[in-house]
Amino acid sequence: MSHELSFGVGAWSDTQVTVKTYRPLDDAGASLLSAASSVYMASMFGLAGMFPIQYMQAIMSGQVCTNVLYD
């Protein structure tokens, strides 16, 4: 007896994907998105560091507002 959960994917309801297949793909996508976000934010902080302090303050304020809204 198999305990795999299967479900349709998007418009292709006849295409079944098991949780064993879906979970690694989901984790890989989340990891890639997180890595890209980290590179982007590090670049923004690096660029803001070349300008007057007001630019760094704007970047940090934006980070705080984003964390308040999405947490």
N, C-alpha and C. Protein backbone atom coordinates (compact mmCIF):
# COMPACT_ATOMS: atom_id res chain seq x y z
N MET A 1 0.84 -1.18 0.00
CA MET A 1 0.00 0.00 0.00
C MET A 1 0.89 1.25 0.00
N SER A 2 0.69 2.09 -0.97
CA SER A 2 1.50 3.30 -1.11
C SER A 2 0.83 4.45 -0.39
N HIS A 3 1.62 5.25 0.31
CA HIS A 3 1.10 6.40 1.02
C HIS A 3 1.50 7.69 0.33
N GLU A 4 1.69 7.65 -0.98
CA GLU A 4 2.06 8.84 -1.72
C GLU A 4 0.82 9.65 -2.05
N LEU A 5 0.92 10.94 -1.90
CA LEU A 5 -0.15 11.85 -2.24
C LEU A 5 0.12 12.35 -3.65
N SER A 6 -0.86 12.31 -4.51
CA SER A 6 -0.65 12.83 -5.86
C SER A 6 -1.73 13.85 -6.17
N PHE A 7 -1.38 14.82 -6.99
CA PHE A 7 -2.30 15.89 -7.31
C PHE A 7 -2.00 16.41 -8.70
N GLY A 8 -2.96 17.09 -9.30
CA GLY A 8 -2.78 17.66 -10.64
C GLY A 8 -1.94 18.91 -10.56
N VAL A 9 -1.27 19.22 -11.66
CA VAL A 9 -0.40 20.39 -11.71
C VAL A 9 -0.99 21.39 -12.70
N GLY A 10 -1.43 22.53 -12.19
CA GLY A 10 -1.93 23.61 -13.03
C GLY A 10 -3.04 23.17 -13.96
N ALA A 11 -2.94 23.57 -15.22
CA ALA A 11 -3.97 23.26 -16.21
C ALA A 11 -3.93 21.80 -16.63
N TRP A 12 -2.83 21.12 -16.34
CA TRP A 12 -2.69 19.72 -16.74
C TRP A 12 -3.18 18.82 -15.62
N SER A 13 -4.48 18.74 -15.45
CA SER A 13 -5.02 17.95 -14.35
C SER A 13 -4.79 16.45 -14.55
N ASP A 14 -4.51 16.04 -15.80
CA ASP A 14 -4.24 14.62 -16.03
C ASP A 14 -2.79 14.27 -15.71
N THR A 15 -1.93 15.26 -15.49
CA THR A 15 -0.54 15.03 -15.13
C THR A 15 -0.44 14.94 -13.62
N GLN A 16 -0.03 13.82 -13.13
CA GLN A 16 0.06 13.62 -11.69
C GLN A 16 1.50 13.72 -11.22
N VAL A 17 1.72 14.45 -10.15
CA VAL A 17 3.04 14.61 -9.56
C VAL A 17 2.95 14.17 -8.11
N THR A 18 3.85 13.31 -7.70
CA THR A 18 3.82 12.85 -6.32
C THR A 18 4.56 13.83 -5.43
N VAL A 19 4.30 13.75 -4.14
CA VAL A 19 4.97 14.63 -3.18
C VAL A 19 6.46 14.36 -3.19
N LYS A 20 6.86 13.11 -3.40
CA LYS A 20 8.28 12.78 -3.46
C LYS A 20 8.98 13.52 -4.60
N THR A 21 8.26 13.79 -5.68
CA THR A 21 8.83 14.53 -6.81
C THR A 21 8.71 16.03 -6.59
N TYR A 22 7.57 16.47 -6.07
CA TYR A 22 7.30 17.90 -5.94
C TYR A 22 8.17 18.57 -4.90
N ARG A 23 8.37 17.95 -3.75
CA ARG A 23 9.10 18.57 -2.65
C ARG A 23 10.52 18.99 -3.03
N PRO A 24 11.33 18.13 -3.66
CA PRO A 24 12.68 18.57 -4.04
C PRO A 24 12.67 19.73 -5.04
N LEU A 25 11.70 19.71 -5.95
CA LEU A 25 11.60 20.81 -6.92
C LEU A 25 11.23 22.11 -6.21
N ASP A 26 10.33 22.03 -5.25
CA ASP A 26 9.93 23.20 -4.48
C ASP A 26 11.09 23.74 -3.66
N ASP A 27 11.83 22.85 -3.02
CA ASP A 27 12.99 23.27 -2.22
C ASP A 27 14.07 23.89 -3.10
N ALA A 28 14.31 23.31 -4.27
CA ALA A 28 15.32 23.85 -5.18
C ALA A 28 14.93 25.25 -5.66
N GLY A 29 13.66 25.44 -5.96
CA GLY A 29 13.19 26.77 -6.39
C GLY A 29 13.32 27.80 -5.29
N ALA A 30 12.96 27.42 -4.08
CA ALA A 30 13.07 28.35 -2.94
C ALA A 30 14.53 28.69 -2.67
N SER A 31 15.42 27.72 -2.78
CA SER A 31 16.85 27.96 -2.56
C SER A 31 17.42 28.90 -3.62
N LEU A 32 17.04 28.69 -4.86
CA LEU A 32 17.52 29.55 -5.94
C LEU A 32 17.02 30.98 -5.77
N LEU A 33 15.76 31.13 -5.41
CA LEU A 33 15.20 32.46 -5.20
C LEU A 33 15.86 33.17 -4.03
N SER A 34 16.14 32.44 -2.97
CA SER A 34 16.80 33.01 -1.80
C SER A 34 18.23 33.45 -2.13
N ALA A 35 18.94 32.63 -2.89
CA ALA A 35 20.31 32.99 -3.28
C ALA A 35 20.32 34.23 -4.17
N ALA A 36 19.39 34.30 -5.11
CA ALA A 36 19.31 35.47 -6.00
C ALA A 36 18.97 36.73 -5.21
N SER A 37 18.08 36.61 -4.24
CA SER A 37 17.70 37.74 -3.41
C SER A 37 18.89 38.23 -2.58
N SER A 38 19.67 37.31 -2.07
CA SER A 38 20.85 37.68 -1.27
C SER A 38 21.88 38.42 -2.11
N VAL A 39 22.12 37.94 -3.31
CA VAL A 39 23.08 38.60 -4.22
C VAL A 39 22.58 40.00 -4.56
N TYR A 40 21.28 40.12 -4.85
CA TYR A 40 20.71 41.42 -5.19
C TYR A 40 20.85 42.41 -4.04
N MET A 41 20.50 41.99 -2.82
CA MET A 41 20.58 42.90 -1.68
C MET A 41 22.02 43.27 -1.35
N ALA A 42 22.93 42.33 -1.48
CA ALA A 42 24.34 42.66 -1.25
C ALA A 42 24.83 43.68 -2.28
N SER A 43 24.37 43.55 -3.50
CA SER A 43 24.74 44.51 -4.55
C SER A 43 24.18 45.89 -4.24
N MET A 44 22.94 45.93 -3.76
CA MET A 44 22.33 47.23 -3.44
C MET A 44 23.06 47.91 -2.28
N PHE A 45 23.43 47.14 -1.26
CA PHE A 45 24.19 47.72 -0.15
C PHE A 45 25.56 48.19 -0.62
N GLY A 46 26.19 47.43 -1.51
CA GLY A 46 27.49 47.83 -2.04
C GLY A 46 27.41 49.11 -2.85
N LEU A 47 26.38 49.21 -3.69
CA LEU A 47 26.21 50.44 -4.48
C LEU A 47 25.87 51.63 -3.60
N ALA A 48 25.01 51.43 -2.61
CA ALA A 48 24.63 52.53 -1.71
C ALA A 48 25.83 53.00 -0.90
N GLY A 49 26.79 52.11 -0.64
CA GLY A 49 27.98 52.49 0.11
C GLY A 49 28.88 53.46 -0.62
N MET A 50 28.71 53.56 -1.94
CA MET A 50 29.53 54.49 -2.73
C MET A 50 28.95 55.91 -2.73
N PHE A 51 27.73 56.06 -2.24
CA PHE A 51 27.06 57.34 -2.25
C PHE A 51 26.97 57.90 -0.83
N PRO A 52 26.45 59.12 -0.68
CA PRO A 52 26.30 59.69 0.67
C PRO A 52 25.42 58.82 1.57
N ILE A 53 25.49 59.07 2.86
CA ILE A 53 24.84 58.23 3.87
C ILE A 53 23.33 58.14 3.70
N GLN A 54 22.71 59.14 3.07
CA GLN A 54 21.26 59.12 2.89
C GLN A 54 20.82 57.91 2.04
N TYR A 55 21.65 57.50 1.11
CA TYR A 55 21.30 56.36 0.26
C TYR A 55 21.31 55.06 1.06
N MET A 56 22.29 54.92 1.94
CA MET A 56 22.33 53.73 2.79
C MET A 56 21.14 53.72 3.73
N GLN A 57 20.79 54.89 4.25
CA GLN A 57 19.64 54.99 5.14
C GLN A 57 18.36 54.60 4.40
N ALA A 58 18.22 55.00 3.16
CA ALA A 58 17.04 54.65 2.37
C ALA A 58 16.96 53.14 2.13
N ILE A 59 18.09 52.51 1.85
CA ILE A 59 18.11 51.05 1.64
C ILE A 59 17.72 50.33 2.93
N MET A 60 18.26 50.76 4.05
CA MET A 60 17.95 50.10 5.32
C MET A 60 16.50 50.33 5.72
N SER A 61 15.97 51.52 5.49
CA SER A 61 14.57 51.79 5.80
C SER A 61 13.66 50.92 4.93
N GLY A 62 14.01 50.74 3.69
CA GLY A 62 13.25 49.86 2.80
C GLY A 62 13.24 48.43 3.29
N GLN A 63 14.38 47.96 3.79
CA GLN A 63 14.45 46.61 4.35
C GLN A 63 13.53 46.46 5.55
N VAL A 64 13.53 47.46 6.42
CA VAL A 64 12.68 47.41 7.62
C VAL A 64 11.21 47.39 7.23
N CYS A 65 10.83 48.24 6.30
CA CYS A 65 9.42 48.29 5.87
C CYS A 65 9.00 46.96 5.25
N THR A 66 9.85 46.36 4.45
CA THR A 66 9.54 45.08 3.83
C THR A 66 9.36 44.00 4.88
N ASN A 67 10.23 43.96 5.88
CA ASN A 67 10.11 42.96 6.93
C ASN A 67 8.85 43.15 7.76
N VAL A 68 8.46 44.39 8.00
CA VAL A 68 7.24 44.64 8.77
C VAL A 68 6.02 44.20 7.99
N LEU A 69 6.00 44.48 6.68
CA LEU A 69 4.84 44.14 5.85
C LEU A 69 4.69 42.64 5.63
N TYR A 70 5.80 41.93 5.45
CA TYR A 70 5.72 40.52 5.07
C TYR A 70 5.96 39.54 6.20
N ASP A 71 6.17 40.01 7.41
CA ASP A 71 6.35 39.08 8.54
C ASP A 71 5.11 38.97 9.37
